[in-house]
């Protein structure tokens, strides 16, 4: 995982994901293993309000100098059951999250 590589090299981190428990567990493990500072930001980047929070953090925190975007999104049904509309919605959300203004 990239986060381990950055932490191993002494970089402080900001972890962003929707699952706060997993974020906290990951942050704790990274702090303990590598002695780095780790902030957590609970956000679901498919939600406009959460995306705005992440954007603000990236824009306003001058300590952040590298972004590793590993945000994943998926539909919760099998491939055959997915409608064209669901796929279009997913593509729209991914596009909005990945092309949103970070400056």
Protein backbone atom coordinates (compact mmCIF):
# COMPACT_ATOMS: atom_id res chain seq x y z
CA UNK A 1 0.00 0.00 0.00
CA UNK A 2 1.21 3.48 -0.83
CA UNK A 3 0.29 4.80 2.59
CA UNK A 4 2.78 2.39 4.20
CA UNK A 5 5.51 3.47 1.81
CA UNK A 6 4.97 7.14 2.59
CA UNK A 7 4.82 6.50 6.34
CA UNK A 8 7.94 4.30 6.22
CA UNK A 9 9.78 7.24 4.62
CA UNK A 10 8.67 9.54 7.45
CA UNK A 11 5.87 11.45 5.73
CA UNK A 12 2.96 12.68 7.82
CA UNK A 13 -0.41 11.65 6.40
CA UNK A 14 -4.04 12.64 5.99
CA UNK A 15 -6.26 9.63 5.41
CA UNK A 16 -9.67 10.18 3.80
CA UNK A 17 -12.42 7.54 3.65
CA UNK A 18 -16.06 7.09 4.66
CA UNK A 19 -15.47 4.43 7.34
CA UNK A 20 -14.27 6.21 10.52
CA UNK A 21 -13.49 3.01 12.42
CA UNK A 22 -11.21 1.73 9.65
CA UNK A 23 -9.59 5.17 9.34
CA UNK A 24 -8.88 5.29 13.06
CA UNK A 25 -7.49 1.74 13.07
CA UNK A 26 -5.24 2.45 10.08
CA UNK A 27 -4.06 5.74 11.56
CA UNK A 28 -3.26 4.11 14.89
CA UNK A 29 -1.28 1.33 13.23
CA UNK A 30 0.70 3.78 11.08
CA UNK A 31 1.49 6.03 14.04
CA UNK A 32 2.67 3.07 16.08
CA UNK A 33 4.69 1.41 13.31
CA UNK A 34 6.35 4.48 11.81
CA UNK A 35 6.06 7.31 14.35
CA UNK A 36 4.41 9.69 11.88
CA UNK A 37 1.54 12.11 12.41
CA UNK A 38 -1.70 10.85 10.87
CA UNK A 39 -4.88 12.90 10.58
CA UNK A 40 -8.15 11.28 9.58
CA UNK A 41 -10.91 12.91 7.58
CA UNK A 42 -14.15 10.97 7.34
CA UNK A 43 -15.58 11.71 3.90
CA UNK A 44 -17.43 9.89 1.13
CA UNK A 45 -16.13 11.50 -2.05
CA UNK A 46 -19.28 10.58 -3.94
CA UNK A 47 -21.20 13.07 -1.75
CA UNK A 48 -20.83 16.75 -2.75
CA UNK A 49 -20.70 18.02 0.85
CA UNK A 50 -17.98 15.54 1.81
CA UNK A 51 -16.06 16.27 -1.37
CA UNK A 52 -16.14 19.98 -0.50
CA UNK A 53 -14.63 19.19 2.92
CA UNK A 54 -11.78 17.23 1.33
CA UNK A 55 -11.24 20.00 -1.25
CA UNK A 56 -11.02 22.60 1.51
CA UNK A 57 -8.47 20.54 3.42
CA UNK A 58 -6.30 20.16 0.33
CA UNK A 59 -6.63 23.81 -0.58
CA UNK A 60 -6.09 25.26 2.90
CA UNK A 61 -3.47 22.97 4.45
CA UNK A 62 -0.08 24.10 3.14
CA UNK A 63 1.59 21.05 4.70
CA UNK A 64 -0.02 18.78 2.08
CA UNK A 65 2.35 18.47 -0.85
CA UNK A 66 1.34 15.12 -2.37
CA UNK A 67 -2.06 13.62 -3.16
CA UNK A 68 -2.51 9.91 -3.76
CA UNK A 69 -6.04 9.45 -5.02
CA UNK A 70 -7.11 5.88 -4.44
CA UNK A 71 -10.83 6.58 -4.11
CA UNK A 72 -12.85 3.65 -5.37
CA UNK A 73 -16.52 3.44 -6.18
CA UNK A 74 -18.63 0.48 -7.15
CA UNK A 75 -22.18 -0.60 -7.72
CA UNK A 76 -23.50 -3.08 -5.17
CA UNK A 77 -25.09 -5.55 -7.59
CA UNK A 78 -23.65 -8.03 -10.05
CA UNK A 79 -22.60 -6.93 -13.51
CA UNK A 80 -25.62 -8.47 -15.24
CA UNK A 81 -28.06 -6.72 -12.87
CA UNK A 82 -26.56 -3.25 -13.38
CA UNK A 83 -28.58 -0.84 -15.46
CA UNK A 84 -27.21 1.68 -17.95
CA UNK A 85 -28.57 4.41 -15.69
CA UNK A 86 -26.63 3.09 -12.70
CA UNK A 87 -23.42 2.98 -14.74
CA UNK A 88 -24.01 6.55 -15.96
CA UNK A 89 -24.51 7.71 -12.38
CA UNK A 90 -21.31 6.00 -11.28
CA UNK A 91 -19.33 7.54 -14.13
CA UNK A 92 -20.72 10.98 -13.28
CA UNK A 93 -19.78 10.65 -9.61
CA UNK A 94 -16.28 9.42 -10.44
CA UNK A 95 -15.78 12.22 -12.90
CA UNK A 96 -16.96 14.83 -10.41
CA UNK A 97 -14.69 13.50 -7.65
CA UNK A 98 -11.59 13.17 -9.84
CA UNK A 99 -11.88 16.46 -11.74
CA UNK A 100 -13.04 18.68 -8.94
CA UNK A 101 -10.95 21.81 -8.38
CA UNK A 102 -8.15 21.19 -5.87
CA UNK A 103 -6.67 24.69 -6.05
